[in-house]
Amino acid sequence: MVEYRFRTPRMTPESRGGSAPNPVRGVEDGMIIERDVRVETRYGDGVYLDVFRPDSDRPAPVLLSWMPYGKHNPLPIQRIFPDSGVRDEWTSRHTAFECPDPVYWTRHGYAVVLVDLPGTWNSEGRATYCSPEEAEAFYDLIEWAGTESWSNGKVGLSGVSYLTVMQWRVAELDPPHLAAINPYEGWTDTYREVVRHGGIPSSWFWPYLWDRWGASRTEIEDLEAETAEHPFYDDFWRSKTALLEKIRTPAYVVASWSDQGLHTRGTLEGYKRISSSEKWLEVHGRKKWAYYYDPESVERQRTFFDRYLKGVDNDLSSWPRVRLEVRRGLDDGDVRAESEWPVPGTDYRRLHLDATRSTLSWETPAEEGVVTYDGAGSGPGAHRAVFDLTFEETTELVGHMSATLHMSADTEDMDVFVSLWKIDAGGRPITFSHYGNFEDGPVALGWLRASHRELDHERSTPHQPVLAHRRALTLKPGEPTRLDIEVLPSATTFAPGERLRLVVQGTDANHYPKPKVYARHEETLNEGDHVIHTGGEHDSYLLVPVLPPAPERD
């Protein structure tokens, strides 16, 4: 049993625009709305929720969203993140942060239930996050929603980010009234995908979250103290990792190439590893919130839920199991139908680094070489190492990647940041949607703190190394050491004359002014020069997923 630390909250519901519970029932915008309904969990704590129902006596299927952000949240996404791409006409005034729009869904015969998780806002108890106890309380709310007189007994789960994180967790428990889940951009492994990318601590986004989740009248889990006490992947972080293989619920999983550093890895891991026999995957390259609320996306969500919550015989059976966008540029790409993820027939090929020519090549370099950059710097010139490949024919890179780099430093540890970029024939970067509300993103990202380089050999593959994070293995100063770096999945088309650029440096690839929300890594261990060794016994390479044309993969 994991022991938690707790602290008093820094924010109250009132300081975040909320108020004390006020149970009321009325009709607005064609919906029956019951606000601040109290439901007790197995722990004896009451959680507060809002129910939106069609103005009808007919029992309705239920969409439930479980969140730490406030079910009444007075600010829509487009106010909090004006560059998110969400249009005002896509949501109503009743739409809470990252939740389905009650007006749309009630008009199509659904009830929508929005729940403030235990210990947040007005809900009772002490808040724990991504935990087994939270999942058990969520289970109790699903069972409550599935047995109310206005419910048809079928409950589905919807929502983005944390609302998806807890979809994975509660689906492990297989609540009897849970009929379908729609995980939409949500991590599955809190340590690897949020807290420490490649072992490098998150210095801004993770601390931002533990405050963002922290409006409470009681006590909340002290994630700050716990993170400091648990620098490696231990039982504490294991308790905040989804047990994906236990999930058998029908699932429509939506991921993106654009949310690297937050949701890309975990959402794809979720699809790969859940045991559901009825599951679909969609992967896009757009902004995550805009894609969730885009009317065409909402219609696909409804097709899925209509099948499992209403029993409608619709065109879901004709959907490809995998639907993914292969990107050309910003909001520009081709949507492909595939049978599995990763895509069957993918040809994983090595692109060898050549420090003497600053190139990537399908052939091993003829001679050994080194390139040096300032480990504490970032930017052009001496502060990063750059390697380019110019494509001679149209090439699609679709899937997982890894970078095997032989590196040395004069210190006992170093933090390495890897990024891949698309460069046009004229030498200009072609960028992509990135992290929900930016448009200057790379093809893909990877990170590694060298002392965390030990692999989990049971889970690792050549194209997806998985770090064990059990202990620190220091470097021998000046001695080249092999580093296997996971480069997050992506899907990109390169035309003849366009380039793939690999950048290795000592700080984040993208920099944004604060307080813009981003996964920053400012607490690096870097000082002095980092050296990349190429050729000979120190053959450094990038393993890329080349997707042959469909006829060649049959």
Protein backbone atom coordinates (compact mmCIF):
# COMPACT_ATOMS: atom_id res chain seq x y z
CA MET A 1 0.00 0.00 0.00
CA VAL A 2 1.48 3.33 -1.05
CA GLU A 3 1.69 5.98 1.67
CA TYR A 4 0.85 9.49 0.50
CA ARG A 5 1.95 12.85 1.77
CA PHE A 6 -0.71 15.53 2.02
CA ARG A 7 -0.69 19.31 2.36
CA THR A 8 -3.17 22.12 2.70
CA PRO A 9 -4.24 23.58 -0.66
CA ARG A 10 -2.84 26.85 -1.95
CA MET A 11 -6.15 27.60 -3.66
CA THR A 12 -9.77 27.43 -2.60
CA PRO A 13 -12.79 26.99 -4.87
CA GLU A 14 -13.61 30.68 -4.35
CA SER A 15 -10.12 31.81 -5.40
CA ARG A 16 -10.64 29.90 -8.64
CA GLY A 17 -14.10 31.26 -9.44
CA GLY A 18 -16.12 28.60 -7.62
CA SER A 19 -18.56 28.72 -4.71
CA ALA A 20 -20.05 26.56 -1.96
CA PRO A 21 -22.35 23.69 -3.00
CA ASN A 22 -25.82 24.85 -4.01
CA PRO A 23 -28.01 21.90 -5.09
CA VAL A 24 -30.53 23.14 -7.65
CA ARG A 25 -32.60 21.62 -10.44
CA GLY A 26 -33.87 23.45 -13.50
CA VAL A 27 -34.28 23.48 -17.26
CA GLU A 28 -31.88 25.44 -19.45
CA ASP A 29 -31.15 25.25 -23.16
CA GLY A 30 -33.50 22.30 -23.54
CA MET A 31 -31.75 20.29 -20.78
CA ILE A 32 -32.72 19.20 -17.30
CA ILE A 33 -29.77 20.32 -15.16
CA GLU A 34 -29.12 19.14 -11.62
CA ARG A 35 -26.20 20.93 -10.02
CA ASP A 36 -24.12 19.95 -7.01
CA VAL A 37 -25.56 16.48 -6.61
CA ARG A 38 -23.73 14.70 -3.78
CA VAL A 39 -22.84 11.02 -4.28
CA GLU A 40 -21.00 9.00 -1.63
CA THR A 41 -18.10 6.69 -2.51
CA ARG A 42 -16.99 3.49 -0.76
CA TYR A 43 -14.70 5.62 1.40
CA GLY A 44 -17.64 7.54 2.89
CA ASP A 45 -16.69 10.74 1.09
CA GLY A 46 -19.22 12.68 -0.92
CA VAL A 47 -18.24 13.89 -4.36
CA TYR A 48 -20.16 16.65 -6.10
CA LEU A 49 -21.33 16.46 -9.67
CA ASP A 50 -23.57 18.12 -12.23
CA VAL A 51 -26.05 16.14 -14.33
CA PHE A 52 -27.29 17.32 -17.74
CA ARG A 53 -30.18 15.26 -19.15
CA PRO A 54 -32.48 15.43 -22.13
CA ASP A 55 -35.84 16.99 -21.24
CA SER A 56 -37.55 13.63 -21.57
CA ASP A 57 -38.73 10.71 -19.42
CA ARG A 58 -36.87 8.22 -21.59
CA PRO A 59 -33.79 6.65 -19.91
CA ALA A 60 -30.57 7.90 -21.50
CA PRO A 61 -27.07 6.53 -21.94
CA VAL A 62 -24.52 8.41 -19.85
CA LEU A 63 -21.27 10.15 -20.75
CA LEU A 64 -19.25 10.70 -17.59
CA SER A 65 -16.25 13.00 -17.17
CA TRP A 66 -14.11 12.84 -14.02
CA MET A 67 -11.82 15.81 -13.49
CA PRO A 68 -9.70 17.95 -11.14
CA TYR A 69 -10.35 21.22 -13.01
CA GLY A 70 -13.83 22.14 -11.76
CA LYS A 71 -17.07 20.94 -13.29
CA HIS A 72 -18.36 24.51 -13.36
CA ASN A 73 -15.11 25.89 -14.82
CA PRO A 74 -16.12 29.39 -15.89
CA LEU A 75 -13.46 29.78 -18.59
CA PRO A 76 -13.60 27.76 -21.84
CA ILE A 77 -10.42 26.44 -23.41
CA GLN A 78 -10.41 29.18 -26.03
CA ARG A 79 -10.19 31.79 -23.26
CA ILE A 80 -7.45 30.00 -21.31
CA PHE A 81 -5.51 29.01 -24.45
CA PRO A 82 -6.45 31.47 -27.22
CA ASP A 83 -4.13 29.76 -29.72
CA SER A 84 -5.72 26.33 -29.19
CA GLY A 85 -7.75 26.54 -32.41
CA VAL A 86 -11.07 25.84 -30.65
CA ARG A 87 -13.83 27.93 -32.22
CA ASP A 88 -16.51 29.55 -30.09
CA GLU A 89 -19.31 27.90 -32.05
CA TRP A 90 -17.96 24.43 -31.25
CA THR A 91 -18.83 24.60 -27.54
CA SER A 92 -21.65 25.98 -25.40
CA ARG A 93 -21.54 27.98 -22.17
CA HIS A 94 -22.05 24.71 -20.29
CA THR A 95 -18.81 23.11 -21.57
CA ALA A 96 -16.27 22.55 -18.79
CA PHE A 97 -12.53 22.34 -19.39
CA GLU A 98 -11.64 19.36 -21.65
CA CYS A 99 -15.16 17.91 -21.25
CA PRO A 100 -17.85 17.02 -23.80
CA ASP A 101 -20.39 19.76 -24.53
CA PRO A 102 -23.63 18.91 -22.68
CA VAL A 103 -25.80 20.81 -25.17
CA TYR A 104 -24.63 18.72 -28.13
CA TRP A 105 -24.87 15.38 -26.36
CA THR A 106 -28.25 15.91 -24.68
CA ARG A 107 -29.71 16.93 -28.05
CA HIS A 108 -28.61 13.50 -29.27
CA GLY A 109 -30.23 11.66 -26.40
CA TYR A 110 -27.35 11.39 -23.91
CA ALA A 111 -27.02 12.39 -20.28
CA VAL A 112 -23.74 14.07 -19.36
CA VAL A 113 -22.31 13.82 -15.83
CA LEU A 114 -19.39 16.04 -14.76
CA VAL A 115 -17.67 15.02 -11.50
CA ASP A 116 -15.18 16.84 -9.26
CA LEU A 117 -12.86 14.11 -8.01
CA PRO A 118 -12.52 13.51 -4.25
CA GLY A 119 -10.75 16.24 -2.33
CA THR A 120 -10.98 18.84 -5.10
CA TRP A 121 -13.29 21.83 -5.22
CA ASN A 122 -16.27 20.99 -2.97
CA SER A 123 -15.82 17.22 -3.02
CA GLU A 124 -14.98 15.61 0.31
CA GLY A 125 -12.03 13.47 1.29
CA ARG A 126 -8.36 14.02 0.57
CA ALA A 127 -7.26 14.28 -3.04
CA THR A 128 -4.90 11.72 -4.53
CA TYR A 129 -4.04 11.82 -8.21
CA CYS A 130 -3.81 9.00 -10.79
CA SER A 131 -4.04 6.60 -7.85
CA PRO A 132 -5.75 3.24 -7.25
CA GLU A 133 -7.94 4.85 -4.58
CA GLU A 134 -9.08 7.53 -6.98
CA ALA A 135 -9.90 4.84 -9.56
CA GLU A 136 -12.01 2.99 -7.01
CA ALA A 137 -14.01 6.14 -6.24
CA PHE A 138 -14.45 6.67 -9.99
CA TYR A 139 -15.74 3.08 -10.25
CA ASP A 140 -18.39 3.92 -7.64
CA LEU A 141 -19.56 6.94 -9.64
CA ILE A 142 -19.85 4.87 -12.81
CA GLU A 143 -21.99 2.37 -10.97
CA TRP A 144 -24.14 5.17 -9.53
CA ALA A 145 -24.63 6.67 -13.01
CA GLY A 146 -25.48 3.28 -14.46
CA THR A 147 -28.22 2.57 -11.93
CA GLU A 148 -30.08 5.88 -11.68
CA SER A 149 -33.70 5.91 -12.88
CA TRP A 150 -32.89 8.30 -15.72
CA SER A 151 -30.02 6.08 -16.98
CA ASN A 152 -30.34 3.27 -19.52
CA GLY A 153 -27.58 1.38 -17.67
CA LYS A 154 -24.80 2.10 -20.19
CA VAL A 155 -21.98 4.47 -19.21
CA GLY A 156 -19.27 5.82 -21.50
CA LEU A 157 -16.24 7.95 -20.59
CA SER A 158 -15.17 11.07 -22.46
CA GLY A 159 -12.67 13.90 -22.02
CA VAL A 160 -9.10 15.00 -22.75
CA SER A 161 -5.83 14.72 -20.80
CA TYR A 162 -6.41 13.98 -17.08
CA LEU A 163 -9.93 12.93 -17.99
CA THR A 164 -8.34 10.26 -20.20
CA VAL A 165 -5.63 9.34 -17.68
CA MET A 166 -8.37 8.24 -15.31
CA GLN A 167 -10.27 6.45 -18.07
CA TRP A 168 -7.35 4.04 -18.30
CA ARG A 169 -7.20 3.64 -14.52
CA VAL A 170 -10.88 2.96 -13.90
CA ALA A 171 -11.26 0.70 -16.94
CA GLU A 172 -8.66 -1.59 -15.33
CA LEU A 173 -11.29 -2.32 -12.67
CA ASP A 174 -14.00 -3.28 -15.19
CA PRO A 175 -17.08 -1.62 -13.62
CA PRO A 176 -20.19 -3.60 -14.69
CA HIS A 177 -21.98 -0.54 -16.13
CA LEU A 178 -18.97 0.76 -18.07
CA ALA A 179 -19.82 0.08 -21.72
CA ALA A 180 -17.22 2.10 -23.70
CA ILE A 181 -14.27 4.45 -23.29
CA ASN A 182 -12.92 7.18 -25.55
CA PRO A 183 -9.36 7.89 -24.34
CA TYR A 184 -8.43 11.18 -26.00
CA GLU A 185 -4.83 12.30 -25.50
CA GLY A 186 -3.89 11.03 -22.05
CA TRP A 187 -0.71 9.62 -20.55
CA THR A 188 -0.52 6.12 -19.07
CA ASP A 189 2.82 6.29 -17.19
CA THR A 190 3.02 9.40 -15.00
CA TYR A 191 6.74 9.06 -14.30
CA ARG A 192 8.02 8.42 -17.83
CA GLU A 193 5.60 10.63 -19.73
CA VAL A 194 5.22 13.67 -17.47
CA VAL A 195 7.48 13.77 -14.42
CA ARG A 196 10.84 12.77 -15.94
CA HIS A 197 11.35 12.61 -19.69
CA GLY A 198 14.26 10.25 -20.16
CA GLY A 199 15.08 10.77 -16.49
CA ILE A 200 15.32 14.57 -16.81
CA PRO A 201 12.94 16.22 -14.32
CA SER A 202 10.10 18.40 -15.50
CA SER A 203 10.85 21.80 -14.01
CA TRP A 204 7.70 23.63 -15.03
CA PHE A 205 4.77 21.60 -16.36
CA TRP A 206 4.61 18.99 -13.59
CA PRO A 207 4.78 21.69 -10.87
CA TYR A 208 2.16 23.63 -12.82
CA LEU A 209 -0.12 20.59 -12.72
CA TRP A 210 0.11 19.95 -9.00
CA ASP A 211 -1.06 23.54 -8.44
CA ARG A 212 -3.62 23.46 -11.28
CA TRP A 213 -5.22 20.39 -9.68
CA GLY A 214 -5.12 21.86 -6.20
CA ALA A 215 -8.33 23.86 -5.55
CA SER A 216 -9.72 22.21 -2.41
CA ARG A 217 -11.47 22.64 0.93
CA THR A 218 -9.66 19.69 2.49
CA GLU A 219 -6.15 18.36 1.82
CA ILE A 220 -4.44 17.40 -1.41
CA GLU A 221 -1.65 14.99 -2.21
CA ASP A 222 1.72 16.69 -1.83
CA LEU A 223 3.11 15.79 -5.23
CA GLU A 224 6.01 18.19 -4.77
CA ALA A 225 7.34 16.38 -1.70
CA GLU A 226 6.63 12.95 -3.17
CA THR A 227 8.43 13.76 -6.43
CA ALA A 228 11.51 14.83 -4.47
CA GLU A 229 11.39 11.64 -2.38
CA HIS A 230 11.00 9.30 -5.37
CA PRO A 231 13.60 10.16 -8.05
CA PHE A 232 13.44 6.68 -9.61
CA TYR A 233 10.63 4.48 -10.89
CA ASP A 234 9.57 2.65 -7.74
CA ASP A 235 6.34 1.33 -6.20
CA PHE A 236 5.11 4.87 -5.70
CA TRP A 237 5.27 5.71 -9.41
CA ARG A 238 4.15 2.21 -10.32
CA SER A 239 0.92 2.95 -8.44
CA LYS A 240 0.35 5.89 -10.81
CA THR A 241 0.87 3.78 -13.94
CA ALA A 242 -2.06 2.29 -15.84
CA LEU A 243 -2.34 -1.52 -15.86
CA LEU A 244 -3.29 -1.50 -19.51
CA GLU A 245 -3.43 -5.22 -20.10
CA LYS A 246 -6.38 -5.46 -17.67
CA ILE A 247 -8.59 -3.28 -19.88
CA ARG A 248 -11.18 -5.15 -21.97
CA THR A 249 -13.73 -2.37 -22.50
CA PRO A 250 -14.49 -1.32 -26.10
CA ALA A 251 -12.25 1.68 -26.83
CA TYR A 252 -11.95 4.42 -29.42
CA VAL A 253 -8.47 5.82 -28.76
CA VAL A 254 -7.42 9.18 -30.22
CA ALA A 255 -3.77 10.27 -30.13
CA SER A 256 -1.67 12.89 -31.89
CA TRP A 257 1.83 13.32 -33.22
CA SER A 258 1.66 16.91 -31.97
CA ASP A 259 1.46 16.41 -28.19
CA GLN A 260 5.01 15.15 -27.79
CA GLY A 261 6.24 15.44 -24.22
CA LEU A 262 2.78 14.95 -22.75
CA HIS A 263 0.26 12.58 -24.38
CA THR A 264 1.67 11.12 -27.61
CA ARG A 265 3.60 8.24 -26.09
CA GLY A 266 1.06 7.23 -23.48
CA THR A 267 -1.99 7.29 -25.71
CA LEU A 268 -0.29 5.08 -28.29
CA GLU A 269 0.95 2.74 -25.56
CA GLY A 270 -2.61 2.54 -24.32
CA TYR A 271 -3.92 1.41 -27.67
CA LYS A 272 -1.12 -1.11 -28.19
CA ARG A 273 -1.40 -2.76 -24.80
CA ILE A 274 -5.07 -2.80 -23.81
CA SER A 275 -6.70 -6.22 -24.13
CA SER A 276 -9.94 -4.93 -25.68
CA SER A 277 -10.96 -7.02 -28.67
CA GLU A 278 -13.00 -4.10 -29.97
CA LYS A 279 -10.68 -1.12 -30.23
CA TRP A 280 -9.92 1.59 -32.76
CA LEU A 281 -7.06 4.07 -33.03
CA GLU A 282 -7.02 7.47 -34.67
CA VAL A 283 -3.83 9.56 -34.77
CA HIS A 284 -3.79 13.13 -36.05
CA GLY A 285 -1.20 15.88 -36.39
CA ARG A 286 -3.35 18.82 -35.30
CA LYS A 287 -3.92 20.74 -32.06
CA LYS A 288 -5.43 18.39 -29.49
CA TRP A 289 -8.28 20.50 -28.09
CA ALA A 290 -9.32 21.78 -31.51
CA TYR A 291 -9.40 18.20 -32.79
CA TYR A 292 -11.52 16.99 -29.85
CA TYR A 293 -14.17 19.69 -30.37
CA ASP A 294 -14.07 19.82 -34.17
CA PRO A 295 -17.60 18.90 -35.35
CA GLU A 296 -16.33 16.10 -37.59
CA SER A 297 -14.44 14.56 -34.67
CA VAL A 298 -17.48 14.87 -32.42
CA GLU A 299 -19.57 13.02 -34.99
CA ARG A 300 -17.07 10.14 -34.97
CA GLN A 301 -17.23 10.09 -31.17
CA ARG A 302 -21.02 9.85 -31.40
CA THR A 303 -20.84 7.00 -33.92
CA PHE A 304 -18.72 5.06 -31.44
CA PHE A 305 -20.88 5.77 -28.41
CA ASP A 306 -24.12 5.18 -30.34
CA ARG A 307 -22.96 1.63 -31.03
CA TYR A 308 -22.00 0.70 -27.47
CA LEU A 309 -24.33 2.87 -25.39
CA LYS A 310 -27.44 2.82 -27.60
CA GLY A 311 -26.97 -0.37 -29.59
CA VAL A 312 -27.23 1.44 -32.93
CA ASP A 313 -26.18 -0.60 -35.96
CA ASN A 314 -24.09 2.05 -37.70
CA ASP A 315 -20.95 2.23 -39.83
CA LEU A 316 -18.54 1.64 -36.95
CA SER A 317 -17.97 -1.89 -38.23
CA SER A 318 -16.59 -0.44 -41.46
CA TRP A 319 -13.99 1.72 -39.71
CA PRO A 320 -10.35 0.70 -40.18
CA ARG A 321 -8.80 -0.41 -36.92
CA VAL A 322 -6.14 2.31 -37.33
CA ARG A 323 -6.66 5.69 -38.97
CA LEU A 324 -3.63 7.97 -39.01
CA GLU A 325 -2.49 11.20 -40.59
CA VAL A 326 0.85 11.27 -42.40
CA ARG A 327 1.90 14.91 -42.24
CA ARG A 328 3.37 17.09 -44.96
CA GLY A 329 3.31 20.36 -43.03
CA LEU A 330 1.25 22.44 -40.63
CA ASP A 331 -2.38 21.18 -40.79
CA ASP A 332 -1.53 19.40 -44.03
CA GLY A 333 -1.42 15.64 -44.41
CA ASP A 334 -2.98 12.49 -45.80
CA VAL A 335 -5.23 10.23 -43.70
CA ARG A 336 -4.43 6.54 -44.07
CA ALA A 337 -6.25 3.38 -43.09
CA GLU A 338 -4.11 0.66 -41.49
CA SER A 339 -4.81 -2.62 -39.74
CA GLU A 340 -2.52 -2.32 -36.72
CA TRP A 341 -0.19 -0.06 -34.77
CA PRO A 342 2.76 -0.05 -35.28
CA VAL A 343 2.04 -0.33 -38.99
CA PRO A 344 2.76 -3.86 -40.28
CA GLY A 345 5.59 -4.06 -42.80
CA THR A 346 7.49 -1.07 -41.39
CA ASP A 347 11.14 -1.21 -42.43
CA TYR A 348 13.32 -0.01 -39.54
CA ARG A 349 16.52 1.33 -41.09
CA ARG A 350 19.65 2.91 -39.66
CA LEU A 351 20.67 6.43 -40.57
CA HIS A 352 24.32 6.73 -39.53
CA LEU A 353 25.68 9.96 -38.09
CA ASP A 354 28.85 11.31 -39.71
CA ALA A 355 30.50 13.97 -37.57
CA THR A 356 33.07 14.79 -40.26
CA ARG A 357 30.35 15.91 -42.71
CA SER A 358 27.44 16.74 -40.38
CA THR A 359 25.27 14.27 -42.28
CA LEU A 360 22.96 11.33 -41.84
CA SER A 361 23.51 8.48 -44.28
CA TRP A 362 22.06 5.06 -45.07
CA GLU A 363 25.70 3.91 -45.32
CA THR A 364 28.17 3.67 -42.44
CA PRO A 365 30.71 6.52 -42.45
CA ALA A 366 34.10 5.79 -43.95
CA GLU A 367 36.01 7.30 -41.04
CA GLU A 368 35.62 8.02 -37.37
CA GLY A 369 34.80 11.52 -36.21
CA VAL A 370 33.63 13.67 -33.31
CA VAL A 371 31.48 16.76 -32.98
CA THR A 372 31.41 18.91 -29.84
CA TYR A 373 28.76 21.27 -28.52
CA ASP A 374 28.36 23.33 -25.37
CA GLY A 375 26.26 21.17 -23.04
CA ALA A 376 24.81 24.14 -21.18
CA GLY A 377 23.97 26.13 -24.29
CA SER A 378 21.24 26.01 -26.88
CA GLY A 379 20.89 27.41 -30.34
CA PRO A 380 22.86 27.64 -33.56
CA GLY A 381 26.55 27.10 -34.07
CA ALA A 382 28.61 25.56 -31.31
CA HIS A 383 25.65 25.10 -28.96
CA ARG A 384 24.21 22.09 -30.76
CA ALA A 385 25.17 19.31 -33.17
CA VAL A 386 23.28 19.07 -36.48
CA PHE A 387 23.09 16.14 -38.93
CA ASP A 388 21.13 16.25 -42.22
CA LEU A 389 19.83 13.75 -44.75
CA THR A 390 18.47 14.90 -48.13
CA PHE A 391 15.87 12.52 -49.56
CA GLU A 392 16.26 11.45 -53.18
CA GLU A 393 12.74 9.98 -53.40
CA THR A 394 9.48 10.41 -51.56
CA THR A 395 9.83 8.73 -48.18
CA GLU A 396 7.36 8.26 -45.35
CA LEU A 397 8.65 7.86 -41.81
CA VAL A 398 5.77 6.44 -39.74
CA GLY A 399 6.23 5.00 -36.27
CA HIS A 400 8.62 4.69 -33.36
CA MET A 401 12.25 5.82 -33.62
CA SER A 402 15.37 5.61 -31.52
CA ALA A 403 18.74 7.32 -31.44
CA THR A 404 21.83 5.33 -30.45
CA LEU A 405 24.54 7.87 -29.65
CA HIS A 406 28.05 7.31 -28.38
CA MET A 407 28.81 10.35 -26.25
CA SER A 408 31.33 11.57 -23.74
CA ALA A 409 31.73 14.50 -21.36
CA ASP A 410 34.14 15.66 -18.68
CA THR A 411 31.44 15.19 -16.06
CA GLU A 412 29.79 12.16 -14.45
CA ASP A 413 26.37 12.87 -15.94
CA MET A 414 24.75 14.82 -18.74
CA ASP A 415 21.31 15.57 -20.13
CA VAL A 416 20.81 15.04 -23.86
CA PHE A 417 17.97 16.55 -25.89
CA VAL A 418 17.22 15.14 -29.33
CA SER A 419 14.90 16.67 -31.91
CA LEU A 420 14.04 15.84 -35.52
CA TRP A 421 13.01 18.52 -38.00
CA LYS A 422 11.73 18.70 -41.54
CA ILE A 423 13.62 21.11 -43.79
CA ASP A 424 12.39 22.14 -47.24
CA ALA A 425 14.53 22.14 -50.39
CA GLY A 426 15.38 25.79 -49.82
CA GLY A 427 16.70 25.18 -46.31
CA ARG A 428 13.66 26.51 -44.42
CA PRO A 429 12.07 24.56 -41.53
CA ILE A 430 8.63 23.04 -42.09
CA THR A 431 7.00 23.01 -38.65
CA PHE A 432 3.94 21.34 -37.16
CA SER A 433 1.31 21.81 -34.48
CA HIS A 434 2.94 21.29 -31.11
CA TYR A 435 1.81 20.84 -27.51
CA GLY A 436 -1.79 21.93 -27.98
CA ASN A 437 -1.37 25.57 -28.94
CA PHE A 438 1.94 26.11 -30.77
CA GLU A 439 2.73 25.86 -34.48
CA ASP A 440 6.54 25.68 -34.57
CA GLY A 441 6.93 22.07 -33.57
CA PRO A 442 9.46 19.46 -34.68
CA VAL A 443 8.86 16.08 -36.28
CA ALA A 444 9.73 14.31 -33.01
CA LEU A 445 11.50 14.66 -29.66
CA GLY A 446 13.63 12.53 -27.36
CA TRP A 447 15.45 13.01 -24.04
CA LEU A 448 17.93 11.19 -21.84
CA ARG A 449 19.77 11.81 -18.59
CA ALA A 450 22.84 9.63 -19.12
CA SER A 451 22.77 8.18 -15.60
CA HIS A 452 19.28 6.80 -16.41
CA ARG A 453 20.49 4.98 -19.54
CA GLU A 454 19.92 1.46 -18.18
CA LEU A 455 17.26 -0.29 -20.27
CA ASP A 456 14.34 -2.41 -19.22
CA HIS A 457 15.33 -5.29 -21.50
CA GLU A 458 12.01 -7.13 -21.12
CA ARG A 459 10.11 -4.18 -22.60
CA SER A 460 12.66 -2.64 -24.95
CA THR A 461 12.85 -3.14 -28.71
CA PRO A 462 15.43 -1.68 -31.10
CA HIS A 463 12.93 0.96 -32.28
CA GLN A 464 11.55 1.69 -28.79
CA PRO A 465 14.07 1.54 -25.96
CA VAL A 466 12.36 1.64 -22.53
CA LEU A 467 14.39 2.93 -19.60
CA ALA A 468 14.41 1.04 -16.32
CA HIS A 469 14.88 4.15 -14.11
CA ARG A 470 16.00 1.91 -11.21
CA ARG A 471 19.30 3.56 -10.29
CA ALA A 472 21.92 6.09 -11.37
CA LEU A 473 24.84 4.87 -13.48
CA THR A 474 27.46 7.60 -13.58
CA LEU A 475 29.67 8.26 -16.57
CA LYS A 476 33.43 7.91 -16.66
CA PRO A 477 34.65 11.39 -17.60
CA GLY A 478 36.03 11.48 -21.12
CA GLU A 479 34.99 7.92 -21.97
CA PRO A 480 32.48 7.37 -24.82
CA THR A 481 29.29 5.72 -23.56
CA ARG A 482 26.42 4.25 -25.54
CA LEU A 483 23.10 6.04 -25.00
CA ASP A 484 19.85 4.56 -26.36
CA ILE A 485 17.25 7.32 -26.62
CA GLU A 486 13.56 6.81 -27.35
CA VAL A 487 12.41 9.27 -30.03
CA LEU A 488 8.66 9.65 -29.79
CA PRO A 489 6.41 8.31 -32.57
CA SER A 490 5.50 10.46 -35.55
CA ALA A 491 4.34 10.21 -39.17
CA THR A 492 5.83 12.50 -41.82
CA THR A 493 6.23 12.55 -45.59
CA PHE A 494 9.48 13.82 -47.12
CA ALA A 495 9.53 14.77 -50.81
CA PRO A 496 12.65 14.61 -53.00
CA GLY A 497 14.99 17.44 -52.05
CA GLU A 498 13.56 17.82 -48.55
CA ARG A 499 15.71 17.04 -45.54
CA LEU A 500 15.47 15.25 -42.23
CA ARG A 501 17.53 17.11 -39.63
CA LEU A 502 18.70 15.58 -36.36
CA VAL A 503 19.63 18.10 -33.66
CA VAL A 504 21.40 17.12 -30.43
CA GLN A 505 21.81 19.75 -27.73
CA GLY A 506 21.86 20.37 -24.00
CA THR A 507 18.56 22.17 -23.51
CA ASP A 508 14.97 22.02 -24.75
CA ALA A 509 14.54 22.17 -28.52
CA ASN A 510 11.71 24.74 -28.24
CA HIS A 511 11.67 27.77 -25.97
CA TYR A 512 8.54 29.73 -25.06
CA PRO A 513 8.17 32.70 -22.72
CA LYS A 514 6.58 32.00 -19.37
CA PRO A 515 3.82 31.61 -18.32
CA LYS A 516 2.97 29.82 -21.60
CA VAL A 517 2.25 26.21 -20.68
CA TYR A 518 5.02 23.89 -21.85
CA ALA A 519 7.16 20.93 -20.71
CA ARG A 520 10.34 22.75 -19.74
CA HIS A 521 13.48 21.04 -18.43
CA GLU A 522 15.46 23.79 -16.78
CA GLU A 523 17.14 21.74 -14.04
CA THR A 524 19.77 20.05 -16.18
CA LEU A 525 23.09 18.71 -14.92
CA ASN A 526 24.94 20.05 -17.95
CA GLU A 527 28.22 21.90 -17.83
CA GLY A 528 31.13 21.91 -20.21
CA ASP A 529 31.32 20.24 -23.60
CA HIS A 530 29.42 17.20 -24.85
CA VAL A 531 31.07 15.10 -27.55
CA ILE A 532 29.29 12.84 -30.07
CA HIS A 533 31.45 10.06 -31.52
CA THR A 534 30.62 8.60 -34.94
CA GLY A 535 31.97 5.84 -37.18
CA GLY A 536 34.03 2.78 -36.42
CA GLU A 537 33.45 1.17 -33.03
CA HIS A 538 31.35 4.19 -32.02
CA ASP A 539 28.79 3.97 -34.79
CA SER A 540 26.06 6.41 -33.77
CA TYR A 541 22.80 6.14 -35.66
CA LEU A 542 19.15 7.06 -35.85
CA LEU A 543 16.77 4.13 -36.36
CA VAL A 544 13.86 5.32 -38.52
CA PRO A 545 10.58 3.63 -39.55
CA VAL A 546 10.42 3.69 -43.34
CA LEU A 547 6.92 2.86 -44.55
CA PRO A 548 6.97 1.11 -47.94
CA PRO A 549 4.01 1.69 -50.30
CA ALA A 550 0.95 -0.35 -49.30
CA PRO A 551 1.25 -2.91 -52.15
CA GLU A 552 4.77 -3.76 -51.00
CA ARG A 553 3.53 -4.41 -47.45
CA ASP A 554 0.78 -6.85 -48.41
